[in-house]
């Protein structure tokens, strides 16, 4: 993930923001605060060729979904649902997993 181009709907996420999101995921003790992660990414987005109907907030949300998917592939988080079947991300207690 470190050498990938992070482009979401025409907005680029700088490597510093990617690292900040990774560290925030790693530092999370239990439930991952998706809104807080979006607040990390949103001000750092660089407009390269934005899609006409896409806002910066939507691009940030897609970026966070991608980063959480990468973290789930690395074994750091799991997607769960609550009683109303709303999904959320939960930090897995593992010492060997790393976010790539």
N, C-alpha and C. Protein backbone atom coordinates (compact mmCIF):
# COMPACT_ATOMS: atom_id res chain seq x y z
N UNK A 1 0.82 -1.19 0.00
CA UNK A 1 0.00 0.00 0.00
C UNK A 1 0.87 1.26 0.00
N UNK A 2 2.08 1.15 0.45
CA UNK A 2 2.93 2.32 0.56
C UNK A 2 3.31 2.89 -0.80
N UNK A 3 3.48 2.03 -1.81
CA UNK A 3 3.92 2.51 -3.11
C UNK A 3 2.77 2.68 -4.09
N UNK A 4 1.53 2.64 -3.62
CA UNK A 4 0.36 2.80 -4.48
C UNK A 4 0.00 4.27 -4.64
N UNK A 5 -0.62 4.57 -5.75
CA UNK A 5 -1.17 5.91 -5.95
C UNK A 5 -2.55 5.92 -5.33
N UNK A 6 -2.77 6.79 -4.39
CA UNK A 6 -4.05 6.84 -3.68
C UNK A 6 -4.92 7.93 -4.32
N UNK A 7 -5.72 7.50 -5.30
CA UNK A 7 -6.59 8.41 -6.03
C UNK A 7 -8.02 7.91 -5.90
N UNK A 8 -8.90 8.80 -5.45
CA UNK A 8 -10.29 8.44 -5.24
C UNK A 8 -11.18 9.50 -5.86
N UNK A 9 -11.89 9.10 -6.91
CA UNK A 9 -12.83 9.96 -7.62
C UNK A 9 -12.22 11.30 -8.04
N UNK A 10 -10.99 11.24 -8.48
CA UNK A 10 -10.32 12.44 -8.97
C UNK A 10 -9.58 13.23 -7.92
N UNK A 11 -9.56 12.79 -6.68
CA UNK A 11 -8.82 13.44 -5.60
C UNK A 11 -7.70 12.52 -5.14
N UNK A 12 -6.52 13.09 -4.93
CA UNK A 12 -5.37 12.32 -4.48
C UNK A 12 -5.18 12.53 -2.99
N UNK A 13 -4.87 11.44 -2.29
CA UNK A 13 -4.57 11.50 -0.86
C UNK A 13 -3.06 11.48 -0.71
N UNK A 14 -2.47 12.50 -0.09
CA UNK A 14 -1.01 12.54 0.09
C UNK A 14 -0.52 11.41 0.99
N UNK A 15 0.71 10.97 0.81
CA UNK A 15 1.26 9.88 1.62
C UNK A 15 1.25 10.18 3.13
N UNK A 16 1.40 11.44 3.51
CA UNK A 16 1.38 11.79 4.94
C UNK A 16 0.01 11.49 5.55
N UNK A 17 -1.04 11.78 4.81
CA UNK A 17 -2.40 11.51 5.30
C UNK A 17 -2.65 10.01 5.36
N UNK A 18 -2.13 9.27 4.39
CA UNK A 18 -2.28 7.82 4.40
C UNK A 18 -1.61 7.24 5.64
N UNK A 19 -0.41 7.71 5.94
CA UNK A 19 0.29 7.23 7.13
C UNK A 19 -0.45 7.63 8.41
N UNK A 20 -1.02 8.81 8.45
CA UNK A 20 -1.78 9.25 9.62
C UNK A 20 -3.00 8.38 9.85
N UNK A 21 -3.68 8.01 8.77
CA UNK A 21 -4.85 7.14 8.88
C UNK A 21 -4.43 5.75 9.34
N UNK A 22 -3.35 5.23 8.78
CA UNK A 22 -2.85 3.92 9.20
C UNK A 22 -2.53 3.92 10.69
N UNK A 23 -1.85 4.97 11.14
CA UNK A 23 -1.48 5.05 12.55
C UNK A 23 -2.71 5.19 13.43
N UNK A 24 -3.70 5.94 12.99
CA UNK A 24 -4.94 6.07 13.75
C UNK A 24 -5.66 4.74 13.87
N UNK A 25 -5.64 3.94 12.82
CA UNK A 25 -6.26 2.61 12.87
C UNK A 25 -5.50 1.72 13.84
N UNK A 26 -4.18 1.77 13.79
CA UNK A 26 -3.36 0.95 14.68
C UNK A 26 -3.55 1.37 16.13
N UNK A 27 -3.69 2.67 16.39
CA UNK A 27 -3.83 3.18 17.76
C UNK A 27 -5.23 3.01 18.33
N UNK A 28 -6.20 2.62 17.52
CA UNK A 28 -7.57 2.46 17.98
C UNK A 28 -7.68 1.25 18.89
N UNK A 29 -8.23 1.43 20.10
CA UNK A 29 -8.34 0.28 21.01
C UNK A 29 -9.52 -0.63 20.70
N UNK A 30 -10.65 -0.10 20.26
CA UNK A 30 -11.84 -0.92 20.03
C UNK A 30 -12.51 -0.55 18.71
N UNK A 31 -13.59 0.22 18.79
CA UNK A 31 -14.35 0.58 17.59
C UNK A 31 -13.65 1.70 16.83
N UNK A 32 -13.54 1.53 15.53
CA UNK A 32 -12.86 2.51 14.69
C UNK A 32 -13.83 3.66 14.41
N UNK A 33 -13.37 4.89 14.65
CA UNK A 33 -14.18 6.08 14.42
C UNK A 33 -13.97 6.53 12.98
N UNK A 34 -14.89 6.13 12.11
CA UNK A 34 -14.77 6.42 10.69
C UNK A 34 -14.82 7.93 10.42
N UNK A 35 -15.66 8.64 11.15
CA UNK A 35 -15.77 10.11 10.97
C UNK A 35 -14.44 10.79 11.30
N UNK A 36 -13.77 10.33 12.35
CA UNK A 36 -12.48 10.93 12.71
C UNK A 36 -11.44 10.66 11.63
N UNK A 37 -11.48 9.47 11.04
CA UNK A 37 -10.56 9.17 9.95
C UNK A 37 -10.84 10.05 8.74
N UNK A 38 -12.12 10.28 8.46
CA UNK A 38 -12.48 11.16 7.34
C UNK A 38 -12.01 12.59 7.60
N UNK A 39 -12.04 13.01 8.86
CA UNK A 39 -11.56 14.36 9.20
C UNK A 39 -10.06 14.49 9.02
N UNK A 40 -9.34 13.38 9.10
CA UNK A 40 -7.90 13.40 8.83
C UNK A 40 -7.65 13.59 7.34
N UNK A 41 -8.42 12.88 6.52
CA UNK A 41 -8.19 12.87 5.08
C UNK A 41 -8.77 14.09 4.37
N UNK A 42 -9.95 14.53 4.78
CA UNK A 42 -10.68 15.58 4.05
C UNK A 42 -9.87 16.85 3.78
N UNK A 43 -9.19 17.44 4.76
CA UNK A 43 -8.46 18.68 4.44
C UNK A 43 -7.20 18.48 3.60
N UNK A 44 -6.75 17.23 3.48
CA UNK A 44 -5.50 16.99 2.76
C UNK A 44 -5.71 16.58 1.30
N UNK A 45 -6.95 16.35 0.90
CA UNK A 45 -7.23 15.91 -0.48
C UNK A 45 -6.75 16.95 -1.49
N UNK A 46 -6.13 16.44 -2.54
CA UNK A 46 -5.65 17.29 -3.62
C UNK A 46 -6.48 17.00 -4.86
N UNK A 47 -7.14 18.02 -5.38
CA UNK A 47 -7.97 17.84 -6.57
C UNK A 47 -7.07 17.72 -7.79
N UNK A 48 -7.13 16.55 -8.44
CA UNK A 48 -6.35 16.32 -9.65
C UNK A 48 -7.27 16.44 -10.86
N UNK A 49 -8.30 15.63 -10.89
CA UNK A 49 -9.31 15.66 -11.95
C UNK A 49 -10.62 15.18 -11.34
N UNK A 50 -11.27 16.00 -10.49
CA UNK A 50 -12.46 15.55 -9.76
C UNK A 50 -13.60 15.16 -10.69
N UNK A 51 -14.31 14.12 -10.27
CA UNK A 51 -15.50 13.73 -10.99
C UNK A 51 -16.53 14.85 -10.84
N UNK A 52 -17.32 15.12 -11.87
CA UNK A 52 -18.27 16.24 -11.82
C UNK A 52 -19.28 16.17 -10.67
N UNK A 53 -19.75 15.00 -10.34
CA UNK A 53 -20.80 14.89 -9.33
C UNK A 53 -20.27 14.45 -7.97
N UNK A 54 -18.97 14.55 -7.74
CA UNK A 54 -18.38 14.06 -6.50
C UNK A 54 -17.88 15.21 -5.65
N UNK A 55 -18.26 15.18 -4.37
CA UNK A 55 -17.76 16.18 -3.43
C UNK A 55 -16.48 15.67 -2.79
N UNK A 56 -15.77 16.57 -2.12
CA UNK A 56 -14.56 16.18 -1.40
C UNK A 56 -14.90 15.20 -0.27
N UNK A 57 -16.03 15.41 0.38
CA UNK A 57 -16.44 14.52 1.47
C UNK A 57 -16.70 13.10 0.96
N UNK A 58 -17.28 13.00 -0.23
CA UNK A 58 -17.53 11.68 -0.81
C UNK A 58 -16.22 11.00 -1.18
N UNK A 59 -15.28 11.75 -1.71
CA UNK A 59 -13.97 11.18 -2.04
C UNK A 59 -13.24 10.73 -0.78
N UNK A 60 -13.36 11.51 0.30
CA UNK A 60 -12.73 11.13 1.57
C UNK A 60 -13.36 9.87 2.12
N UNK A 61 -14.68 9.74 1.99
CA UNK A 61 -15.37 8.54 2.47
C UNK A 61 -14.91 7.31 1.69
N UNK A 62 -14.75 7.44 0.38
CA UNK A 62 -14.28 6.31 -0.43
C UNK A 62 -12.84 5.95 -0.07
N UNK A 63 -12.02 6.95 0.24
CA UNK A 63 -10.64 6.70 0.63
C UNK A 63 -10.59 5.92 1.94
N UNK A 64 -11.41 6.31 2.91
CA UNK A 64 -11.42 5.63 4.20
C UNK A 64 -11.92 4.21 4.04
N UNK A 65 -12.93 3.99 3.20
CA UNK A 65 -13.39 2.62 2.94
C UNK A 65 -12.25 1.76 2.39
N UNK A 66 -11.47 2.33 1.50
CA UNK A 66 -10.35 1.60 0.92
C UNK A 66 -9.28 1.29 1.96
N UNK A 67 -8.95 2.28 2.80
CA UNK A 67 -7.94 2.06 3.83
C UNK A 67 -8.40 1.04 4.87
N UNK A 68 -9.69 1.06 5.21
CA UNK A 68 -10.21 0.07 6.15
C UNK A 68 -10.22 -1.32 5.53
N UNK A 69 -10.51 -1.40 4.24
CA UNK A 69 -10.44 -2.69 3.56
C UNK A 69 -9.01 -3.24 3.59
N UNK A 70 -8.04 -2.37 3.32
CA UNK A 70 -6.64 -2.79 3.38
C UNK A 70 -6.27 -3.25 4.79
N UNK A 71 -6.77 -2.54 5.80
CA UNK A 71 -6.50 -2.92 7.19
C UNK A 71 -7.16 -4.24 7.53
N UNK A 72 -8.33 -4.51 6.97
CA UNK A 72 -8.99 -5.79 7.22
C UNK A 72 -8.23 -6.93 6.55
N UNK A 73 -7.66 -6.67 5.37
CA UNK A 73 -6.85 -7.68 4.71
C UNK A 73 -5.58 -7.97 5.49
N UNK A 74 -5.08 -6.98 6.21
CA UNK A 74 -3.88 -7.16 7.04
C UNK A 74 -4.21 -7.77 8.39
N UNK A 75 -5.49 -7.93 8.70
CA UNK A 75 -5.89 -8.54 9.95
C UNK A 75 -5.98 -7.58 11.12
N UNK A 76 -6.08 -6.28 10.84
CA UNK A 76 -6.16 -5.28 11.90
C UNK A 76 -7.57 -4.97 12.36
N UNK A 77 -8.53 -5.02 11.46
CA UNK A 77 -9.92 -4.70 11.79
C UNK A 77 -10.85 -5.74 11.19
N UNK A 78 -12.06 -5.79 11.77
CA UNK A 78 -13.13 -6.64 11.24
C UNK A 78 -14.38 -5.80 11.12
N UNK A 79 -15.19 -6.13 10.15
CA UNK A 79 -16.46 -5.43 9.97
C UNK A 79 -17.53 -6.22 10.72
N UNK A 80 -18.26 -5.54 11.56
CA UNK A 80 -19.35 -6.15 12.33
C UNK A 80 -20.62 -5.35 12.09
N UNK A 81 -21.74 -5.88 12.59
CA UNK A 81 -23.00 -5.15 12.52
C UNK A 81 -23.59 -5.08 13.92
N UNK A 82 -24.36 -4.02 14.16
CA UNK A 82 -25.01 -3.88 15.46
C UNK A 82 -26.42 -4.48 15.39
N UNK A 83 -27.25 -4.25 16.40
CA UNK A 83 -28.59 -4.82 16.45
C UNK A 83 -29.50 -4.40 15.33
N UNK A 84 -29.27 -3.23 14.76
CA UNK A 84 -30.08 -2.74 13.64
C UNK A 84 -29.43 -3.05 12.30
N UNK A 85 -28.42 -3.86 12.31
CA UNK A 85 -27.69 -4.29 11.11
C UNK A 85 -26.90 -3.16 10.44
N UNK A 86 -26.52 -2.14 11.21
CA UNK A 86 -25.66 -1.09 10.69
C UNK A 86 -24.21 -1.55 10.84
N UNK A 87 -23.42 -1.49 9.76
CA UNK A 87 -22.04 -1.97 9.86
C UNK A 87 -21.13 -0.97 10.58
N UNK A 88 -20.13 -1.49 11.23
CA UNK A 88 -19.08 -0.69 11.81
C UNK A 88 -17.80 -1.52 11.84
N UNK A 89 -16.68 -0.86 12.04
CA UNK A 89 -15.38 -1.52 12.04
C UNK A 89 -14.88 -1.66 13.47
N UNK A 90 -14.32 -2.80 13.79
CA UNK A 90 -13.85 -3.11 15.14
C UNK A 90 -12.40 -3.54 15.06
N UNK A 91 -11.57 -2.99 15.92
CA UNK A 91 -10.14 -3.31 15.95
C UNK A 91 -9.94 -4.71 16.51
N UNK A 92 -9.13 -5.52 15.83
CA UNK A 92 -8.83 -6.88 16.24
C UNK A 92 -7.60 -6.84 17.15
N UNK A 93 -7.66 -7.60 18.23
CA UNK A 93 -6.53 -7.66 19.14
C UNK A 93 -5.53 -8.69 18.65
N UNK A 94 -4.58 -8.21 17.85
CA UNK A 94 -3.55 -9.11 17.35
C UNK A 94 -2.23 -8.36 17.37
N UNK A 95 -1.18 -9.06 17.69
CA UNK A 95 0.13 -8.41 17.78
C UNK A 95 0.95 -8.57 16.52
N UNK A 96 0.65 -9.56 15.69
CA UNK A 96 1.46 -9.81 14.51
C UNK A 96 1.03 -9.07 13.27
N UNK A 97 -0.14 -8.48 13.26
CA UNK A 97 -0.66 -7.83 12.06
C UNK A 97 -0.07 -6.43 11.91
N UNK A 98 0.20 -6.06 10.68
CA UNK A 98 0.68 -4.72 10.38
C UNK A 98 -0.10 -4.16 9.21
N UNK A 99 -0.27 -2.87 9.18
CA UNK A 99 -0.97 -2.21 8.09
C UNK A 99 0.03 -1.86 7.02
N UNK A 100 -0.13 -2.41 5.82
CA UNK A 100 0.83 -2.16 4.73
C UNK A 100 0.43 -1.01 3.89
